[in-house]
Amino acid sequence: MAVTIVIPTYNRSNKITETLNALCNQDFAGFRVIVVNDGSADNTLHAIQEIEPQLTFPLQVISQKNAGASAATNLGVQKADSGLVILFDDDILPETSCITKHVNFHLDNPGSIFSGSAVTDPHRAITDVQRYKLYMEEQWRIARPDTLERTSVDFDNFIITTANMSLDRQTYLELEGFSTYLRDGYDVDFGFRALLKSVPLYFDRTIKTIHNDQISLRYYASRQRAYAESKKKILCVHSELSKKIRVETNSGPSLIKKFIYGILRNRSLVRFFESDTFAKIVPRYLRYRVYGSTIAALSLKK
């Protein structure tokens, strides 16, 4: 089975090299890697060129004008070999057996889409906000016991991520690729369209990768806001989904919450919440409540 790994990247010169180095440690041999540089303005190309002689696999780097991760992923998959395509984000560090597990799954389940986990490494959670993210991931795992083992995904227990995903290139073509009208949440749209066409989806938490993501409160909030906006766009394009997925109805925060959220958006206050001083003087349970409220405040449109 031909195996191609596709990684879109944008301004992550310090992280894409870590991802490529991690792929050198895989216990599966015979794959090739396509990195699609989505118009990076940093030294991404130079950083890749510097480490390329040490890589243990064939590497192809393709550059395009910035068009978003969905367009970059489409370009990479279009250039991939026929066979299995594995998608990783540019801040993902796959465990040693990750590719082997993806390949073995598709040998037993051809024509399926398979997602694994992307979790925070406790040793890389340096700041208190990063530890908060680690805590929230654990809370999600407690709330989703169905993900303890491999699970078949449907509209009721939906989960999918291109951070750590594999599928046959033919399945990708049949679904007409990722929607480029979305810069975020295009994996969600892809999964919804797959289910509508009865393509089997699976998730397995034991297919592990480390999410090499150094977040701040503002970045955390921006990701949540982008996901919510993407979901709205998806529902506008695919109105039939409104009957199949849970649509959250929210009348918006009360006047008191609006007032509090206005205060929490203050940049100086946010920087203080992210500081070591705040982490030292405020108990964890209270800090985490503050982080949650601040993220909620920053997630809302002003």
C-alpha atoms as a PDB file:
ATOM      1  CA  MET A   1       0.000   0.000   0.000  1.00  0.00           C
ATOM      2  CA  ALA A   2       1.397   3.383  -1.046  1.00  0.00           C
ATOM      3  CA  VAL A   3       1.368   5.826   1.876  1.00  0.00           C
ATOM      4  CA  THR A   4       1.623   9.599   1.495  1.00  0.00           C
ATOM      5  CA  ILE A   5       1.626  12.026   4.413  1.00  0.00           C
ATOM      6  CA  VAL A   6       0.292  15.510   3.664  1.00  0.00           C
ATOM      7  CA  ILE A   7       1.083  18.449   5.963  1.00  0.00           C
ATOM      8  CA  PRO A   8      -0.169  21.978   5.238  1.00  0.00           C
ATOM      9  CA  THR A   9       1.894  24.657   6.957  1.00  0.00           C
ATOM     10  CA  TYR A  10       1.724  28.402   7.489  1.00  0.00           C
ATOM     11  CA  ASN A  11       4.260  30.460   9.454  1.00  0.00           C
ATOM     12  CA  ARG A  12       5.273  27.526  11.658  1.00  0.00           C
ATOM     13  CA  SER A  13       8.976  27.248  10.836  1.00  0.00           C
ATOM     14  CA  ASN A  14       9.770  26.361  14.457  1.00  0.00           C
ATOM     15  CA  LYS A  15       7.154  23.595  14.548  1.00  0.00           C
ATOM     16  CA  ILE A  16       7.040  21.999  11.088  1.00  0.00           C
ATOM     17  CA  THR A  17      10.661  20.933  11.566  1.00  0.00           C
ATOM     18  CA  GLU A  18       9.744  19.171  14.821  1.00  0.00           C
ATOM     19  CA  THR A  19       6.914  17.372  13.017  1.00  0.00           C
ATOM     20  CA  LEU A  20       9.246  16.225  10.233  1.00  0.00           C
ATOM     21  CA  ASN A  21      11.851  15.053  12.733  1.00  0.00           C
ATOM     22  CA  ALA A  22       9.178  13.090  14.617  1.00  0.00           C
ATOM     23  CA  LEU A  23       8.279  11.287  11.385  1.00  0.00           C
ATOM     24  CA  CYS A  24      11.865  10.024  11.218  1.00  0.00           C
ATOM     25  CA  ASN A  25      11.137   7.935  14.329  1.00  0.00           C
ATOM     26  CA  GLN A  26       8.226   5.975  12.838  1.00  0.00           C
ATOM     27  CA  ASP A  27       8.404   2.174  12.922  1.00  0.00           C
ATOM     28  CA  PHE A  28       6.783   2.083   9.454  1.00  0.00           C
ATOM     29  CA  ALA A  29       9.009   2.496   6.422  1.00  0.00           C
ATOM     30  CA  GLY A  30       8.163   3.335   2.830  1.00  0.00           C
ATOM     31  CA  PHE A  31       6.050   6.474   3.149  1.00  0.00           C
ATOM     32  CA  ARG A  32       6.682   9.839   1.535  1.00  0.00           C
ATOM     33  CA  VAL A  33       5.789  13.294   2.782  1.00  0.00           C
ATOM     34  CA  ILE A  34       4.299  16.298   1.003  1.00  0.00           C
ATOM     35  CA  VAL A  35       4.503  19.638   2.807  1.00  0.00           C
ATOM     36  CA  VAL A  36       2.359  22.397   1.325  1.00  0.00           C
ATOM     37  CA  ASN A  37       3.678  25.827   2.246  1.00  0.00           C
ATOM     38  CA  ASP A  38       0.593  28.047   2.311  1.00  0.00           C
ATOM     39  CA  GLY A  39       2.278  31.376   1.571  1.00  0.00           C
ATOM     40  CA  SER A  40       4.311  31.517   4.787  1.00  0.00           C
ATOM     41  CA  ALA A  41       5.952  34.878   5.476  1.00  0.00           C
ATOM     42  CA  ASP A  42       8.534  33.454   7.901  1.00  0.00           C
ATOM     43  CA  ASN A  43      11.567  31.261   7.149  1.00  0.00           C
ATOM     44  CA  THR A  44       9.581  28.035   6.764  1.00  0.00           C
ATOM     45  CA  LEU A  45      11.212  27.025   3.479  1.00  0.00           C
ATOM     46  CA  HIS A  46      14.730  27.706   4.775  1.00  0.00           C
ATOM     47  CA  ALA A  47      14.072  25.758   7.993  1.00  0.00           C
ATOM     48  CA  ILE A  48      12.842  22.740   6.010  1.00  0.00           C
ATOM     49  CA  GLN A  49      15.786  22.905   3.598  1.00  0.00           C
ATOM     50  CA  GLU A  50      18.204  22.886   6.538  1.00  0.00           C
ATOM     51  CA  ILE A  51      16.896  19.632   8.003  1.00  0.00           C
ATOM     52  CA  GLU A  52      15.990  17.868   4.742  1.00  0.00           C
ATOM     53  CA  PRO A  53      19.387  16.082   4.360  1.00  0.00           C
ATOM     54  CA  GLN A  54      18.813  14.368   7.733  1.00  0.00           C
ATOM     55  CA  LEU A  55      15.289  13.141   6.970  1.00  0.00           C
ATOM     56  CA  THR A  56      14.784   9.406   6.468  1.00  0.00           C
ATOM     57  CA  PHE A  57      11.947   9.658   3.921  1.00  0.00           C
ATOM     58  CA  PRO A  58      11.338  11.324   0.547  1.00  0.00           C
ATOM     59  CA  LEU A  59      10.074  14.890   0.974  1.00  0.00           C
ATOM     60  CA  GLN A  60       8.299  17.114  -1.538  1.00  0.00           C
ATOM     61  CA  VAL A  61       7.668  20.759  -0.669  1.00  0.00           C
ATOM     62  CA  ILE A  62       5.019  22.650  -2.641  1.00  0.00           C
ATOM     63  CA  SER A  63       4.406  26.367  -2.231  1.00  0.00           C
ATOM     64  CA  GLN A  64       1.239  28.301  -2.982  1.00  0.00           C
ATOM     65  CA  LYS A  65      -0.115  31.764  -2.284  1.00  0.00           C
ATOM     66  CA  ASN A  66      -1.883  31.894   1.065  1.00  0.00           C
ATOM     67  CA  ALA A  67      -5.301  30.349   0.551  1.00  0.00           C
ATOM     68  CA  GLY A  68      -5.972  28.582   3.853  1.00  0.00           C
ATOM     69  CA  ALA A  69      -5.314  25.111   5.216  1.00  0.00           C
ATOM     70  CA  SER A  70      -8.230  23.540   3.329  1.00  0.00           C
ATOM     71  CA  ALA A  71      -6.854  24.644  -0.047  1.00  0.00           C
ATOM     72  CA  ALA A  72      -3.320  23.652   0.973  1.00  0.00           C
ATOM     73  CA  THR A  73      -4.508  20.200   2.045  1.00  0.00           C
ATOM     74  CA  ASN A  74      -6.401  19.742  -1.220  1.00  0.00           C
ATOM     75  CA  LEU A  75      -3.266  20.557  -3.198  1.00  0.00           C
ATOM     76  CA  GLY A  76      -1.222  18.103  -1.181  1.00  0.00           C
ATOM     77  CA  VAL A  77      -3.707  15.257  -1.568  1.00  0.00           C
ATOM     78  CA  GLN A  78      -4.004  15.940  -5.305  1.00  0.00           C
ATOM     79  CA  LYS A  79      -0.233  15.439  -5.571  1.00  0.00           C
ATOM     80  CA  ALA A  80      -0.286  12.308  -3.392  1.00  0.00           C
ATOM     81  CA  ASP A  81       0.133   8.788  -4.684  1.00  0.00           C
ATOM     82  CA  SER A  82      -2.953   6.633  -5.148  1.00  0.00           C
ATOM     83  CA  GLY A  83      -3.388   4.684  -1.949  1.00  0.00           C
ATOM     84  CA  LEU A  84      -3.502   5.807   1.658  1.00  0.00           C
ATOM     85  CA  VAL A  85      -3.213   9.479   2.590  1.00  0.00           C
ATOM     86  CA  ILE A  86      -2.427  10.474   6.179  1.00  0.00           C
ATOM     87  CA  LEU A  87      -3.018  14.082   7.208  1.00  0.00           C
ATOM     88  CA  PHE A  88      -1.131  15.808  10.011  1.00  0.00           C
ATOM     89  CA  ASP A  89      -1.153  19.433  11.118  1.00  0.00           C
ATOM     90  CA  ASP A  90       2.178  21.267  11.171  1.00  0.00           C
ATOM     91  CA  ASP A  91       2.276  21.268  14.985  1.00  0.00           C
ATOM     92  CA  ILE A  92       1.643  17.538  15.425  1.00  0.00           C
ATOM     93  CA  LEU A  93       4.179  15.020  16.761  1.00  0.00           C
ATOM     94  CA  PRO A  94       3.034  11.460  15.938  1.00  0.00           C
ATOM     95  CA  GLU A  95       3.947   8.624  18.258  1.00  0.00           C
ATOM     96  CA  THR A  96       6.314   5.977  16.885  1.00  0.00           C
ATOM     97  CA  SER A  97       3.602   3.511  15.812  1.00  0.00           C
ATOM     98  CA  CYS A  98       1.144   6.100  14.495  1.00  0.00           C
ATOM     99  CA  ILE A  99       1.566   5.408  10.769  1.00  0.00           C
ATOM    100  CA  THR A 100       1.590   1.641  11.308  1.00  0.00           C
ATOM    101  CA  LYS A 101      -1.733   1.873  13.146  1.00  0.00           C
ATOM    102  CA  HIS A 102      -3.282   3.991  10.406  1.00  0.00           C
ATOM    103  CA  VAL A 103      -2.147   1.523   7.741  1.00  0.00           C
ATOM    104  CA  ASN A 104      -3.347  -1.547   9.656  1.00  0.00           C
ATOM    105  CA  PHE A 105      -6.741   0.037  10.230  1.00  0.00           C
ATOM    106  CA  HIS A 106      -7.300   0.651   6.519  1.00  0.00           C
ATOM    107  CA  LEU A 107      -6.209  -2.858   5.609  1.00  0.00           C
ATOM    108  CA  ASP A 108      -9.160  -4.048   7.697  1.00  0.00           C
ATOM    109  CA  ASN A 109     -11.542  -1.157   6.908  1.00  0.00           C
ATOM    110  CA  PRO A 110     -11.089   0.008   3.311  1.00  0.00           C
ATOM    111  CA  GLY A 111     -13.092   3.023   2.181  1.00  0.00           C
ATOM    112  CA  SER A 112     -13.283   4.514   5.700  1.00  0.00           C
ATOM    113  CA  ILE A 113     -12.114   7.761   7.265  1.00  0.00           C
ATOM    114  CA  PHE A 114     -10.066   7.358  10.425  1.00  0.00           C
ATOM    115  CA  SER A 115      -9.125   9.976  13.026  1.00  0.00           C
ATOM    116  CA  GLY A 116      -6.818   9.656  15.990  1.00  0.00           C
ATOM    117  CA  SER A 117      -6.126  11.878  18.971  1.00  0.00           C
ATOM    118  CA  ALA A 118      -4.067  15.058  19.253  1.00  0.00           C
ATOM    119  CA  VAL A 119      -3.364  15.742  22.903  1.00  0.00           C
ATOM    120  CA  THR A 120      -1.275  18.139  24.947  1.00  0.00           C
ATOM    121  CA  ASP A 121       1.957  16.719  26.351  1.00  0.00           C
ATOM    122  CA  PRO A 122       2.067  17.459  30.108  1.00  0.00           C
ATOM    123  CA  HIS A 123       5.836  18.010  29.820  1.00  0.00           C
ATOM    124  CA  ARG A 124       5.239  20.740  27.222  1.00  0.00           C
ATOM    125  CA  ALA A 125       2.514  22.454  29.259  1.00  0.00           C
ATOM    126  CA  ILE A 126       4.816  25.138  30.616  1.00  0.00           C
ATOM    127  CA  THR A 127       2.392  27.974  31.332  1.00  0.00           C
ATOM    128  CA  ASP A 128      -0.681  27.817  33.531  1.00  0.00           C
ATOM    129  CA  VAL A 129      -2.954  28.462  30.547  1.00  0.00           C
ATOM    130  CA  GLN A 130      -1.437  25.437  28.817  1.00  0.00           C
ATOM    131  CA  ARG A 131      -2.100  23.383  31.948  1.00  0.00           C
ATOM    132  CA  TYR A 132      -5.672  24.663  31.863  1.00  0.00           C
ATOM    133  CA  LYS A 133      -5.961  23.369  28.289  1.00  0.00           C
ATOM    134  CA  LEU A 134      -4.629  20.015  29.500  1.00  0.00           C
ATOM    135  CA  TYR A 135      -7.284  20.020  32.242  1.00  0.00           C
ATOM    136  CA  MET A 136     -10.049  20.827  29.711  1.00  0.00           C
ATOM    137  CA  GLU A 137      -8.898  17.960  27.488  1.00  0.00           C
ATOM    138  CA  GLU A 138      -9.196  15.603  30.445  1.00  0.00           C
ATOM    139  CA  GLN A 139     -12.690  16.915  31.201  1.00  0.00           C
ATOM    140  CA  TRP A 140     -13.660  16.256  27.591  1.00  0.00           C
ATOM    141  CA  ARG A 141     -12.363  12.684  27.822  1.00  0.00           C
ATOM    142  CA  ILE A 142     -14.414  12.136  30.986  1.00  0.00           C
ATOM    143  CA  ALA A 143     -17.497  13.501  29.213  1.00  0.00           C
ATOM    144  CA  ARG A 144     -16.853  11.286  26.172  1.00  0.00           C
ATOM    145  CA  PRO A 145     -16.281   7.752  27.516  1.00  0.00           C
ATOM    146  CA  ASP A 146     -17.162   6.416  24.055  1.00  0.00           C
ATOM    147  CA  THR A 147     -13.741   7.584  22.865  1.00  0.00           C
ATOM    148  CA  LEU A 148     -11.822   5.361  25.274  1.00  0.00           C
ATOM    149  CA  GLU A 149     -11.634   2.731  22.542  1.00  0.00           C
ATOM    150  CA  ARG A 150     -12.200   2.757  18.817  1.00  0.00           C
ATOM    151  CA  THR A 151     -15.652   4.055  18.059  1.00  0.00           C
ATOM    152  CA  SER A 152     -17.801   4.343  14.979  1.00  0.00           C
ATOM    153  CA  VAL A 153     -18.727   7.989  14.447  1.00  0.00           C
ATOM    154  CA  ASP A 154     -22.160   9.279  13.511  1.00  0.00           C
ATOM    155  CA  PHE A 155     -24.103  12.522  13.917  1.00  0.00           C
ATOM    156  CA  ASP A 156     -24.835  11.775  17.591  1.00  0.00           C
ATOM    157  CA  ASN A 157     -21.213  11.272  18.693  1.00  0.00           C
ATOM    158  CA  PHE A 158     -19.462  13.295  16.024  1.00  0.00           C
ATOM    159  CA  ILE A 159     -15.705  13.752  16.215  1.00  0.00           C
ATOM    160  CA  ILE A 160     -13.162  14.213  13.458  1.00  0.00           C
ATOM    161  CA  THR A 161      -9.873  16.043  12.984  1.00  0.00           C
ATOM    162  CA  THR A 162      -7.436  16.544  10.116  1.00  0.00           C
ATOM    163  CA  ALA A 163      -4.715  16.992  12.725  1.00  0.00           C
ATOM    164  CA  ASN A 164      -4.401  13.183  12.700  1.00  0.00           C
ATOM    165  CA  MET A 165      -6.532  11.620   9.961  1.00  0.00           C
ATOM    166  CA  SER A 166      -6.220   8.976   7.258  1.00  0.00           C
ATOM    167  CA  LEU A 167      -8.298   7.977   4.261  1.00  0.00           C
ATOM    168  CA  ASP A 168      -7.923   6.369   0.886  1.00  0.00           C
ATOM    169  CA  ARG A 169      -7.197   8.929  -1.822  1.00  0.00           C
ATOM    170  CA  GLN A 170     -10.142   7.551  -3.821  1.00  0.00           C
ATOM    171  CA  THR A 171     -12.503   8.264  -0.911  1.00  0.00           C
ATOM    172  CA  TYR A 172     -11.174  11.833  -0.820  1.00  0.00           C
ATOM    173  CA  LEU A 173     -11.887  12.221  -4.556  1.00  0.00           C
ATOM    174  CA  GLU A 174     -15.388  10.790  -4.215  1.00  0.00           C
ATOM    175  CA  LEU A 175     -16.149  13.398  -1.531  1.00  0.00           C
ATOM    176  CA  GLU A 176     -14.690  16.131  -3.792  1.00  0.00           C
ATOM    177  CA  GLY A 177     -12.057  17.185  -1.285  1.00  0.00           C
ATOM    178  CA  PHE A 178     -12.161  19.789   1.454  1.00  0.00           C
ATOM    179  CA  SER A 179     -14.386  22.847   1.138  1.00  0.00           C
ATOM    180  CA  THR A 180     -12.238  25.905   0.450  1.00  0.00           C
ATOM    181  CA  TYR A 181     -14.960  28.331   1.531  1.00  0.00           C
ATOM    182  CA  LEU A 182     -13.883  27.327   5.044  1.00  0.00           C
ATOM    183  CA  ARG A 183     -10.506  28.220   6.519  1.00  0.00           C
ATOM    184  CA  ASP A 184     -11.435  26.596   9.829  1.00  0.00           C
ATOM    185  CA  GLY A 185     -13.689  23.649  10.490  1.00  0.00           C
ATOM    186  CA  TYR A 186     -13.204  22.176   7.034  1.00  0.00           C
ATOM    187  CA  ASP A 187     -12.605  18.790   8.640  1.00  0.00           C
ATOM    188  CA  VAL A 188     -16.038  19.024  10.304  1.00  0.00           C
ATOM    189  CA  ASP A 189     -17.660  19.855   6.964  1.00  0.00           C
ATOM    190  CA  PHE A 190     -15.807  16.946   5.344  1.00  0.00           C
ATOM    191  CA  GLY A 191     -16.991  14.542   8.036  1.00  0.00           C
ATOM    192  CA  PHE A 192     -20.597  15.720   7.747  1.00  0.00           C
ATOM    193  CA  ARG A 193     -20.525  15.235   3.978  1.00  0.00           C
ATOM    194  CA  ALA A 194     -18.985  11.794   4.438  1.00  0.00           C
ATOM    195  CA  LEU A 195     -21.789  10.712   6.775  1.00  0.00           C
ATOM    196  CA  LEU A 196     -24.417  12.072   4.378  1.00  0.00           C
ATOM    197  CA  LYS A 197     -22.913   9.805   1.716  1.00  0.00           C
ATOM    198  CA  SER A 198     -22.689   6.825   4.129  1.00  0.00           C
ATOM    199  CA  VAL A 199     -18.883   6.791   4.227  1.00  0.00           C
ATOM    200  CA  PRO A 200     -17.836   5.080   7.486  1.00  0.00           C
ATOM    201  CA  LEU A 201     -16.081   7.313  10.050  1.00  0.00           C
ATOM    202  CA  TYR A 202     -14.052   6.041  12.998  1.00  0.00           C
ATOM    203  CA  PHE A 203     -12.169   7.605  15.892  1.00  0.00           C
ATOM    204  CA  ASP A 204      -9.523   5.910  18.007  1.00  0.00           C
ATOM    205  CA  ARG A 205      -7.903   7.731  20.919  1.00  0.00           C
ATOM    206  CA  THR A 206      -5.022   5.211  20.984  1.00  0.00           C
ATOM    207  CA  ILE A 207      -3.755   6.512  17.614  1.00  0.00           C
ATOM    208  CA  LYS A 208      -1.750   9.124  19.456  1.00  0.00           C
ATOM    209  CA  THR A 209      -0.095  12.354  18.479  1.00  0.00           C
ATOM    210  CA  ILE A 210       1.154  15.234  20.597  1.00  0.00           C
ATOM    211  CA  HIS A 211      -0.302  18.643  19.796  1.00  0.00           C
ATOM    212  CA  ASN A 212       2.739  20.903  19.946  1.00  0.00           C
ATOM    213  CA  ASP A 213       0.591  23.974  20.555  1.00  0.00           C
ATOM    214  CA  GLN A 214       1.685  26.852  22.806  1.00  0.00           C
ATOM    215  CA  ILE A 215      -1.564  28.700  23.445  1.00  0.00           C
ATOM    216  CA  SER A 216      -2.659  31.927  25.090  1.00  0.00           C
ATOM    217  CA  LEU A 217      -6.127  32.914  26.275  1.00  0.00           C
ATOM    218  CA  ARG A 218      -6.660  35.011  23.139  1.00  0.00           C
ATOM    219  CA  TYR A 219      -5.528  32.214  20.856  1.00  0.00           C
ATOM    220  CA  TYR A 220      -7.714  29.690  22.701  1.00  0.00           C
ATOM    221  CA  ALA A 221     -10.696  32.028  22.255  1.00  0.00           C
ATOM    222  CA  SER A 222      -9.930  32.687  18.587  1.00  0.00           C
ATOM    223  CA  ARG A 223      -9.994  28.946  17.868  1.00  0.00           C
ATOM    224  CA  GLN A 224     -13.369  28.566  19.559  1.00  0.00           C
ATOM    225  CA  ARG A 225     -14.762  31.594  17.725  1.00  0.00           C
ATOM    226  CA  ALA A 226     -13.480  30.314  14.378  1.00  0.00           C
ATOM    227  CA  TYR A 227     -15.028  26.891  14.994  1.00  0.00           C
ATOM    228  CA  ALA A 228     -18.412  28.420  15.867  1.00  0.00           C
ATOM    229  CA  GLU A 229     -18.343  30.643  12.780  1.00  0.00           C
ATOM    230  CA  SER A 230     -17.416  27.681  10.581  1.00  0.00           C
ATOM    231  CA  LYS A 231     -20.307  25.643  11.938  1.00  0.00           C
ATOM    232  CA  LYS A 232     -22.706  28.468  11.033  1.00  0.00           C
ATOM    233  CA  LYS A 233     -21.329  28.568   7.484  1.00  0.00           C
ATOM    234  CA  ILE A 234     -21.637  24.793   7.157  1.00  0.00           C
ATOM    235  CA  LEU A 235     -25.285  24.890   8.232  1.00  0.00           C
ATOM    236  CA  CYS A 236     -25.988  27.671   5.731  1.00  0.00           C
ATOM    237  CA  VAL A 237     -24.567  25.565   2.894  1.00  0.00           C
ATOM    238  CA  HIS A 238     -25.998  22.243   4.117  1.00  0.00           C
ATOM    239  CA  SER A 239     -29.381  23.139   5.584  1.00  0.00           C
ATOM    240  CA  GLU A 240     -30.301  19.446   5.715  1.00  0.00           C
ATOM    241  CA  LEU A 241     -27.811  19.045   8.561  1.00  0.00           C
ATOM    242  CA  SER A 242     -29.963  21.091  10.938  1.00  0.00           C
ATOM    243  CA  LYS A 243     -32.140  18.016  11.440  1.00  0.00           C
ATOM    244  CA  LYS A 244     -29.193  15.709  12.050  1.00  0.00           C
ATOM    245  CA  ILE A 245     -26.891  17.628  14.393  1.00  0.00           C
ATOM    246  CA  ARG A 246     -27.400  19.446  17.644  1.00  0.00           C
ATOM    247  CA  VAL A 247     -27.709  23.155  17.002  1.00  0.00           C
ATOM    248  CA  GLU A 248     -27.050  25.293  20.060  1.00  0.00           C
ATOM    249  CA  THR A 249     -29.524  28.106  20.511  1.00  0.00           C
ATOM    250  CA  ASN A 250     -28.166  30.984  22.534  1.00  0.00           C
ATOM    251  CA  SER A 251     -29.967  34.237  23.176  1.00  0.00           C
ATOM    252  CA  GLY A 252     -26.658  35.802  24.205  1.00  0.00           C
ATOM    253  CA  PRO A 253     -25.259  36.809  27.583  1.00  0.00           C
ATOM    254  CA  SER A 254     -27.299  38.795  30.091  1.00  0.00           C
ATOM    255  CA  LEU A 255     -26.593  42.493  30.655  1.00  0.00           C
ATOM    256  CA  ILE A 256     -24.547  41.654  33.746  1.00  0.00           C
ATOM    257  CA  LYS A 257     -22.474  39.120  31.819  1.00  0.00           C
ATOM    258  CA  LYS A 258     -21.971  41.585  28.999  1.00  0.00           C
ATOM    259  CA  PHE A 259     -20.610  44.079  31.516  1.00  0.00           C
ATOM    260  CA  ILE A 260     -18.280  41.475  33.050  1.00  0.00           C
ATOM    261  CA  TYR A 261     -17.176  40.221  29.627  1.00  0.00           C
ATOM    262  CA  GLY A 262     -16.379  43.797  28.630  1.00  0.00           C
ATOM    263  CA  ILE A 263     -14.007  44.053  31.586  1.00  0.00           C
ATOM    264  CA  LEU A 264     -12.437  40.664  30.877  1.00  0.00           C
ATOM    265  CA  ARG A 265     -11.607  41.702  27.310  1.00  0.00           C
ATOM    266  CA  ASN A 266      -9.203  44.346  28.581  1.00  0.00           C
ATOM    267  CA  ARG A 267      -5.788  43.508  27.128  1.00  0.00           C
ATOM    268  CA  SER A 268      -3.852  44.442  30.253  1.00  0.00           C
ATOM    269  CA  LEU A 269      -6.116  42.291  32.384  1.00  0.00           C
ATOM    270  CA  VAL A 270      -5.782  39.352  29.994  1.00  0.00           C
ATOM    271  CA  ARG A 271      -1.981  39.654  30.139  1.00  0.00           C
ATOM    272  CA  PHE A 272      -2.177  39.648  33.928  1.00  0.00           C
ATOM    273  CA  PHE A 273      -4.311  36.481  33.897  1.00  0.00           C
ATOM    274  CA  GLU A 274      -1.622  34.839  31.742  1.00  0.00           C
ATOM    275  CA  SER A 275       1.204  35.916  34.042  1.00  0.00           C
ATOM    276  CA  ASP A 276       3.139  33.817  36.550  1.00  0.00           C
ATOM    277  CA  THR A 277       2.035  36.251  39.265  1.00  0.00           C
ATOM    278  CA  PHE A 278      -1.646  35.440  38.725  1.00  0.00           C
ATOM    279  CA  ALA A 279      -0.866  31.712  38.760  1.00  0.00           C
ATOM    280  CA  LYS A 280       1.003  32.054  42.062  1.00  0.00           C
ATOM    281  CA  ILE A 281      -1.471  34.158  44.044  1.00  0.00           C
ATOM    282  CA  VAL A 282      -4.847  32.733  42.925  1.00  0.00           C
ATOM    283  CA  PRO A 283      -6.036  29.178  43.756  1.00  0.00           C
ATOM    284  CA  ARG A 284      -6.329  26.843  40.795  1.00  0.00           C
ATOM    285  CA  TYR A 285     -10.115  26.368  40.956  1.00  0.00           C
ATOM    286  CA  LEU A 286     -10.601  30.129  40.839  1.00  0.00           C
ATOM    287  CA  ARG A 287      -7.961  30.668  38.135  1.00  0.00           C
ATOM    288  CA  TYR A 288      -9.624  28.096  35.911  1.00  0.00           C
ATOM    289  CA  ARG A 289     -12.994  29.781  36.340  1.00  0.00           C
ATOM    290  CA  VAL A 290     -11.388  33.082  35.365  1.00  0.00           C
ATOM    291  CA  TYR A 291      -9.748  31.472  32.321  1.00  0.00           C
ATOM    292  CA  GLY A 292     -13.050  29.959  31.232  1.00  0.00           C
ATOM    293  CA  SER A 293     -14.928  33.249  31.609  1.00  0.00           C
ATOM    294  CA  THR A 294     -12.177  35.193  29.849  1.00  0.00           C
ATOM    295  CA  ILE A 295     -12.143  32.766  26.932  1.00  0.00           C
ATOM    296  CA  ALA A 296     -15.941  33.038  26.709  1.00  0.00           C
ATOM    297  CA  ALA A 297     -15.688  36.828  26.720  1.00  0.00           C
ATOM    298  CA  LEU A 298     -13.004  36.875  24.036  1.00  0.00           C
ATOM    299  CA  SER A 299     -14.899  34.324  21.943  1.00  0.00           C
ATOM    300  CA  LEU A 300     -17.914  36.615  21.524  1.00  0.00           C
ATOM    301  CA  LYS A 301     -18.109  39.282  18.860  1.00  0.00           C
ATOM    302  CA  LYS A 302     -17.918  42.740  20.339  1.00  0.00           C
END
